[in-house]
Amino acid sequence: MRVKLCLSLAAALLLAGCSSTNTLSGAGQQVRIVDEQPGATCQLLGSAEGSQSNWLSGASSEYDSVASATNDLRNKAAAMGGNVIYGISGQGQSFLSEFVPLDSKVSGQVYRCPN
């Protein structure tokens, strides 16, 4: 009985740890996503990728999953010292994702631009 209780508790904790989405940090909120390549006054810092694990993530739709991956990307851009992301692209749904919850991923180029 005690072993079953311990196993059940461990399984519940494991599932709770897997069922989260990426929230936008305060610094991530300051990062803008733009459609036009930043000008010469901006410094390219590199590229970054954001992801959201869709295995028991709690994301209720593909939109929620991509939004969570975008939050992760914005948080990572802020951690790099960036405030602009350009050229954002994402992994689209595939035939396989209809049956298996694949991770959602987005990527882009991170820039630091003057305000």
N, C-alpha and C. Protein backbone atom coordinates (compact mmCIF):
# COMPACT_ATOMS: atom_id res chain seq x y z
N MET A 1 0.82 -1.19 0.00
CA MET A 1 0.00 0.00 0.00
C MET A 1 0.87 1.26 0.00
N ARG A 2 1.89 1.26 0.84
CA ARG A 2 2.78 2.41 0.95
C ARG A 2 3.55 2.62 -0.34
N VAL A 3 3.96 1.55 -1.00
CA VAL A 3 4.70 1.65 -2.26
C VAL A 3 3.80 2.25 -3.33
N LYS A 4 2.55 1.82 -3.41
CA LYS A 4 1.61 2.36 -4.40
C LYS A 4 1.40 3.85 -4.16
N LEU A 5 1.27 4.25 -2.93
CA LEU A 5 1.08 5.65 -2.59
C LEU A 5 2.29 6.48 -3.01
N CYS A 6 3.48 5.98 -2.75
CA CYS A 6 4.71 6.69 -3.13
C CYS A 6 4.83 6.79 -4.65
N LEU A 7 4.52 5.70 -5.35
CA LEU A 7 4.58 5.73 -6.81
C LEU A 7 3.55 6.69 -7.40
N SER A 8 2.36 6.70 -6.84
CA SER A 8 1.32 7.62 -7.31
C SER A 8 1.72 9.07 -7.09
N LEU A 9 2.29 9.35 -5.94
CA LEU A 9 2.73 10.71 -5.63
C LEU A 9 3.87 11.13 -6.56
N ALA A 10 4.81 10.23 -6.80
CA ALA A 10 5.92 10.54 -7.69
C ALA A 10 5.43 10.79 -9.11
N ALA A 11 4.49 9.99 -9.58
CA ALA A 11 3.93 10.18 -10.93
C ALA A 11 3.19 11.51 -11.03
N ALA A 12 2.45 11.87 -10.01
CA ALA A 12 1.72 13.15 -10.02
C ALA A 12 2.69 14.33 -10.05
N LEU A 13 3.76 14.26 -9.28
CA LEU A 13 4.75 15.33 -9.29
C LEU A 13 5.46 15.44 -10.63
N LEU A 14 5.76 14.30 -11.22
CA LEU A 14 6.41 14.29 -12.53
C LEU A 14 5.51 14.91 -13.58
N LEU A 15 4.25 14.55 -13.61
CA LEU A 15 3.32 15.10 -14.58
C LEU A 15 3.09 16.59 -14.36
N ALA A 16 3.04 17.01 -13.13
CA ALA A 16 2.86 18.43 -12.83
C ALA A 16 4.06 19.23 -13.34
N GLY A 17 5.24 18.68 -13.24
CA GLY A 17 6.43 19.36 -13.73
C GLY A 17 6.46 19.45 -15.25
N CYS A 18 5.82 18.54 -15.94
CA CYS A 18 5.82 18.54 -17.40
C CYS A 18 4.71 19.40 -17.98
N SER A 19 3.74 19.76 -17.18
CA SER A 19 2.56 20.43 -17.72
C SER A 19 2.62 21.94 -17.51
N SER A 20 3.59 22.58 -18.14
CA SER A 20 3.68 24.02 -18.02
C SER A 20 3.95 24.64 -19.37
N THR A 21 3.59 25.91 -19.47
CA THR A 21 3.89 26.67 -20.67
C THR A 21 4.83 27.80 -20.28
N ASN A 22 5.49 28.37 -21.26
CA ASN A 22 6.45 29.45 -21.02
C ASN A 22 5.72 30.76 -20.78
N THR A 23 6.01 31.40 -19.68
CA THR A 23 5.45 32.71 -19.41
C THR A 23 6.46 33.78 -19.79
N LEU A 24 5.97 34.92 -20.16
CA LEU A 24 6.82 36.02 -20.60
C LEU A 24 7.38 36.75 -19.39
N SER A 25 8.70 36.86 -19.31
CA SER A 25 9.35 37.56 -18.21
C SER A 25 9.20 39.07 -18.39
N GLY A 26 9.53 39.82 -17.36
CA GLY A 26 9.51 41.28 -17.47
C GLY A 26 10.43 41.78 -18.56
N ALA A 27 11.64 41.22 -18.63
CA ALA A 27 12.59 41.61 -19.67
C ALA A 27 12.10 41.17 -21.05
N GLY A 28 11.48 40.01 -21.12
CA GLY A 28 10.95 39.50 -22.39
C GLY A 28 9.83 40.38 -22.93
N GLN A 29 9.10 41.03 -22.04
CA GLN A 29 8.02 41.93 -22.48
C GLN A 29 8.56 43.14 -23.23
N GLN A 30 9.82 43.47 -23.02
CA GLN A 30 10.43 44.63 -23.67
C GLN A 30 10.96 44.30 -25.07
N VAL A 31 10.92 43.03 -25.45
CA VAL A 31 11.45 42.60 -26.76
C VAL A 31 10.34 42.68 -27.80
N ARG A 32 10.62 43.41 -28.89
CA ARG A 32 9.65 43.56 -29.98
C ARG A 32 9.97 42.58 -31.11
N ILE A 33 8.94 42.13 -31.80
CA ILE A 33 9.11 41.31 -33.01
C ILE A 33 8.75 42.21 -34.18
N VAL A 34 9.67 42.33 -35.15
CA VAL A 34 9.48 43.24 -36.27
C VAL A 34 9.49 42.48 -37.59
N ASP A 35 8.82 43.08 -38.61
CA ASP A 35 8.76 42.49 -39.95
C ASP A 35 9.85 43.00 -40.88
N GLU A 36 10.38 44.19 -40.58
CA GLU A 36 11.42 44.77 -41.42
C GLU A 36 12.77 44.64 -40.73
N GLN A 37 13.79 44.32 -41.52
CA GLN A 37 15.13 44.15 -40.95
C GLN A 37 15.58 45.45 -40.29
N PRO A 38 16.08 45.36 -39.07
CA PRO A 38 16.55 46.55 -38.36
C PRO A 38 17.68 47.25 -39.12
N GLY A 39 17.76 48.58 -38.95
CA GLY A 39 18.73 49.40 -39.66
C GLY A 39 20.14 49.28 -39.11
N ALA A 40 21.01 50.12 -39.65
CA ALA A 40 22.43 50.09 -39.31
C ALA A 40 22.72 50.51 -37.88
N THR A 41 21.77 51.19 -37.23
CA THR A 41 21.99 51.60 -35.85
C THR A 41 21.80 50.45 -34.87
N CYS A 42 21.32 49.33 -35.37
CA CYS A 42 21.09 48.15 -34.52
C CYS A 42 22.24 47.16 -34.65
N GLN A 43 22.53 46.47 -33.58
CA GLN A 43 23.61 45.49 -33.57
C GLN A 43 23.02 44.08 -33.55
N LEU A 44 23.43 43.24 -34.51
CA LEU A 44 23.01 41.85 -34.54
C LEU A 44 23.75 41.09 -33.44
N LEU A 45 23.01 40.45 -32.56
CA LEU A 45 23.62 39.69 -31.47
C LEU A 45 23.71 38.20 -31.77
N GLY A 46 22.92 37.73 -32.71
CA GLY A 46 22.92 36.32 -33.06
C GLY A 46 21.50 35.82 -33.25
N SER A 47 21.36 34.53 -33.32
CA SER A 47 20.02 33.95 -33.47
C SER A 47 19.66 33.19 -32.20
N ALA A 48 18.36 33.00 -32.02
CA ALA A 48 17.87 32.28 -30.85
C ALA A 48 16.67 31.44 -31.26
N GLU A 49 16.41 30.43 -30.46
CA GLU A 49 15.27 29.55 -30.71
C GLU A 49 14.46 29.40 -29.43
N GLY A 50 13.16 29.51 -29.57
CA GLY A 50 12.26 29.26 -28.45
C GLY A 50 11.48 27.99 -28.72
N SER A 51 11.16 27.27 -27.67
CA SER A 51 10.42 26.02 -27.87
C SER A 51 9.40 25.81 -26.76
N GLN A 52 8.43 24.99 -27.07
CA GLN A 52 7.41 24.58 -26.11
C GLN A 52 7.20 23.09 -26.29
N SER A 53 7.46 22.35 -25.24
CA SER A 53 7.20 20.92 -25.29
C SER A 53 5.70 20.70 -25.25
N ASN A 54 5.19 19.97 -26.21
CA ASN A 54 3.74 19.75 -26.28
C ASN A 54 3.31 18.43 -25.64
N TRP A 55 4.24 17.74 -25.05
CA TRP A 55 3.90 16.51 -24.36
C TRP A 55 3.41 16.87 -22.97
N LEU A 56 2.14 16.80 -22.74
CA LEU A 56 1.50 17.13 -21.47
C LEU A 56 1.78 18.57 -21.04
N SER A 57 1.82 19.48 -22.00
CA SER A 57 2.18 20.86 -21.68
C SER A 57 1.02 21.67 -21.14
N GLY A 58 -0.17 21.25 -21.38
CA GLY A 58 -1.32 22.03 -20.95
C GLY A 58 -1.75 23.03 -22.00
N ALA A 59 -1.00 23.16 -23.10
CA ALA A 59 -1.40 24.06 -24.18
C ALA A 59 -2.63 23.47 -24.85
N SER A 60 -3.68 24.27 -24.96
CA SER A 60 -4.94 23.74 -25.44
C SER A 60 -5.07 23.76 -26.96
N SER A 61 -4.17 24.44 -27.66
CA SER A 61 -4.25 24.51 -29.11
C SER A 61 -2.86 24.75 -29.69
N GLU A 62 -2.76 24.64 -31.02
CA GLU A 62 -1.49 24.92 -31.68
C GLU A 62 -1.12 26.38 -31.47
N TYR A 63 -2.11 27.28 -31.48
CA TYR A 63 -1.85 28.70 -31.26
C TYR A 63 -1.22 28.92 -29.88
N ASP A 64 -1.77 28.30 -28.84
CA ASP A 64 -1.23 28.45 -27.49
C ASP A 64 0.20 27.93 -27.43
N SER A 65 0.46 26.84 -28.11
CA SER A 65 1.78 26.24 -28.11
C SER A 65 2.80 27.14 -28.80
N VAL A 66 2.44 27.72 -29.94
CA VAL A 66 3.34 28.62 -30.66
C VAL A 66 3.52 29.91 -29.86
N ALA A 67 2.47 30.40 -29.23
CA ALA A 67 2.59 31.60 -28.39
C ALA A 67 3.55 31.35 -27.23
N SER A 68 3.49 30.18 -26.65
CA SER A 68 4.39 29.83 -25.55
C SER A 68 5.83 29.73 -26.04
N ALA A 69 6.03 29.15 -27.23
CA ALA A 69 7.38 29.07 -27.81
C ALA A 69 7.90 30.47 -28.13
N THR A 70 7.02 31.38 -28.57
CA THR A 70 7.41 32.75 -28.84
C THR A 70 7.79 33.47 -27.55
N ASN A 71 7.07 33.20 -26.47
CA ASN A 71 7.45 33.76 -25.17
C ASN A 71 8.86 33.31 -24.78
N ASP A 72 9.14 32.03 -25.00
CA ASP A 72 10.47 31.50 -24.70
C ASP A 72 11.53 32.21 -25.54
N LEU A 73 11.24 32.43 -26.82
CA LEU A 73 12.18 33.13 -27.71
C LEU A 73 12.41 34.56 -27.23
N ARG A 74 11.35 35.27 -26.87
CA ARG A 74 11.49 36.65 -26.39
C ARG A 74 12.30 36.70 -25.09
N ASN A 75 12.07 35.74 -24.19
CA ASN A 75 12.85 35.68 -22.94
C ASN A 75 14.33 35.43 -23.23
N LYS A 76 14.62 34.54 -24.17
CA LYS A 76 16.02 34.25 -24.52
C LYS A 76 16.68 35.45 -25.19
N ALA A 77 15.93 36.15 -26.04
CA ALA A 77 16.47 37.35 -26.69
C ALA A 77 16.83 38.40 -25.63
N ALA A 78 15.96 38.57 -24.65
CA ALA A 78 16.24 39.53 -23.57
C ALA A 78 17.47 39.11 -22.79
N ALA A 79 17.63 37.83 -22.54
CA ALA A 79 18.79 37.33 -21.81
C ALA A 79 20.09 37.57 -22.59
N MET A 80 20.00 37.63 -23.92
CA MET A 80 21.16 37.91 -24.77
C MET A 80 21.46 39.41 -24.80
N GLY A 81 20.58 40.23 -24.26
CA GLY A 81 20.75 41.68 -24.30
C GLY A 81 20.03 42.33 -25.46
N GLY A 82 19.19 41.57 -26.14
CA GLY A 82 18.46 42.10 -27.29
C GLY A 82 17.13 42.72 -26.92
N ASN A 83 16.64 43.55 -27.84
CA ASN A 83 15.31 44.13 -27.64
C ASN A 83 14.45 44.06 -28.90
N VAL A 84 14.98 43.43 -29.97
CA VAL A 84 14.26 43.27 -31.22
C VAL A 84 14.54 41.88 -31.78
N ILE A 85 13.50 41.24 -32.31
CA ILE A 85 13.65 39.96 -33.03
C ILE A 85 13.13 40.17 -34.44
N TYR A 86 13.94 39.77 -35.42
CA TYR A 86 13.58 39.90 -36.83
C TYR A 86 13.67 38.52 -37.49
N GLY A 87 12.85 38.33 -38.51
CA GLY A 87 12.92 37.10 -39.30
C GLY A 87 12.42 35.90 -38.55
N ILE A 88 11.38 36.08 -37.78
CA ILE A 88 10.86 34.98 -36.97
C ILE A 88 10.24 33.92 -37.88
N SER A 89 10.57 32.69 -37.60
CA SER A 89 10.01 31.56 -38.35
C SER A 89 9.70 30.44 -37.38
N GLY A 90 8.78 29.60 -37.77
CA GLY A 90 8.38 28.53 -36.88
C GLY A 90 8.19 27.22 -37.60
N GLN A 91 8.12 26.20 -36.79
CA GLN A 91 7.88 24.85 -37.29
C GLN A 91 6.39 24.70 -37.47
N GLY A 92 5.95 24.40 -38.68
CA GLY A 92 4.53 24.21 -38.94
C GLY A 92 4.06 22.83 -38.53
N GLN A 93 2.76 22.68 -38.50
CA GLN A 93 2.21 21.38 -38.17
C GLN A 93 2.47 20.42 -39.32
N SER A 94 2.71 19.19 -38.98
CA SER A 94 2.93 18.16 -39.98
C SER A 94 1.89 17.06 -39.79
N PHE A 95 1.87 16.14 -40.70
CA PHE A 95 0.94 15.02 -40.60
C PHE A 95 1.16 14.26 -39.30
N LEU A 96 2.42 14.08 -38.93
CA LEU A 96 2.75 13.34 -37.73
C LEU A 96 2.25 14.04 -36.47
N SER A 97 2.26 15.39 -36.47
CA SER A 97 1.85 16.11 -35.27
C SER A 97 0.37 15.96 -34.96
N GLU A 98 -0.41 15.47 -35.92
CA GLU A 98 -1.82 15.18 -35.65
C GLU A 98 -1.96 14.00 -34.69
N PHE A 99 -0.95 13.14 -34.63
CA PHE A 99 -1.01 11.94 -33.82
C PHE A 99 -0.06 11.95 -32.63
N VAL A 100 1.06 12.65 -32.77
CA VAL A 100 2.09 12.69 -31.73
C VAL A 100 2.33 14.16 -31.38
N PRO A 101 2.29 14.53 -30.11
CA PRO A 101 2.50 15.94 -29.75
C PRO A 101 3.96 16.36 -29.89
N LEU A 102 4.31 16.90 -31.05
CA LEU A 102 5.67 17.36 -31.29
C LEU A 102 5.89 18.72 -30.64
N ASP A 103 7.15 19.05 -30.36
CA ASP A 103 7.47 20.36 -29.79
C ASP A 103 7.21 21.45 -30.82
N SER A 104 6.75 22.60 -30.33
CA SER A 104 6.64 23.78 -31.18
C SER A 104 7.92 24.57 -31.03
N LYS A 105 8.45 25.07 -32.16
CA LYS A 105 9.71 25.83 -32.14
C LYS A 105 9.58 27.05 -33.02
N VAL A 106 10.15 28.15 -32.55
CA VAL A 106 10.25 29.38 -33.33
C VAL A 106 11.67 29.91 -33.19
N SER A 107 12.15 30.59 -34.22
CA SER A 107 13.50 31.14 -34.16
C SER A 107 13.53 32.49 -34.84
N GLY A 108 14.56 33.24 -34.57
CA GLY A 108 14.72 34.55 -35.19
C GLY A 108 16.08 35.14 -34.88
N GLN A 109 16.38 36.24 -35.55
CA GLN A 109 17.63 36.97 -35.33
C GLN A 109 17.40 38.00 -34.24
N VAL A 110 18.32 38.07 -33.30
CA VAL A 110 18.21 38.97 -32.15
C VAL A 110 19.10 40.19 -32.37
N TYR A 111 18.50 41.37 -32.19
CA TYR A 111 19.21 42.63 -32.33
C TYR A 111 19.09 43.47 -31.07
N ARG A 112 20.08 44.33 -30.86
CA ARG A 112 19.99 45.38 -29.85
C ARG A 112 19.91 46.70 -30.61
N CYS A 113 18.80 47.39 -30.43
CA CYS A 113 18.58 48.65 -31.13
C CYS A 113 18.41 49.78 -30.10
N PRO A 114 18.84 51.00 -30.48
CA PRO A 114 18.61 52.12 -29.58
C PRO A 114 17.12 52.39 -29.47
N ASN A 115 16.71 52.87 -28.34
CA ASN A 115 15.28 53.14 -28.14
C ASN A 115 14.87 54.35 -28.86
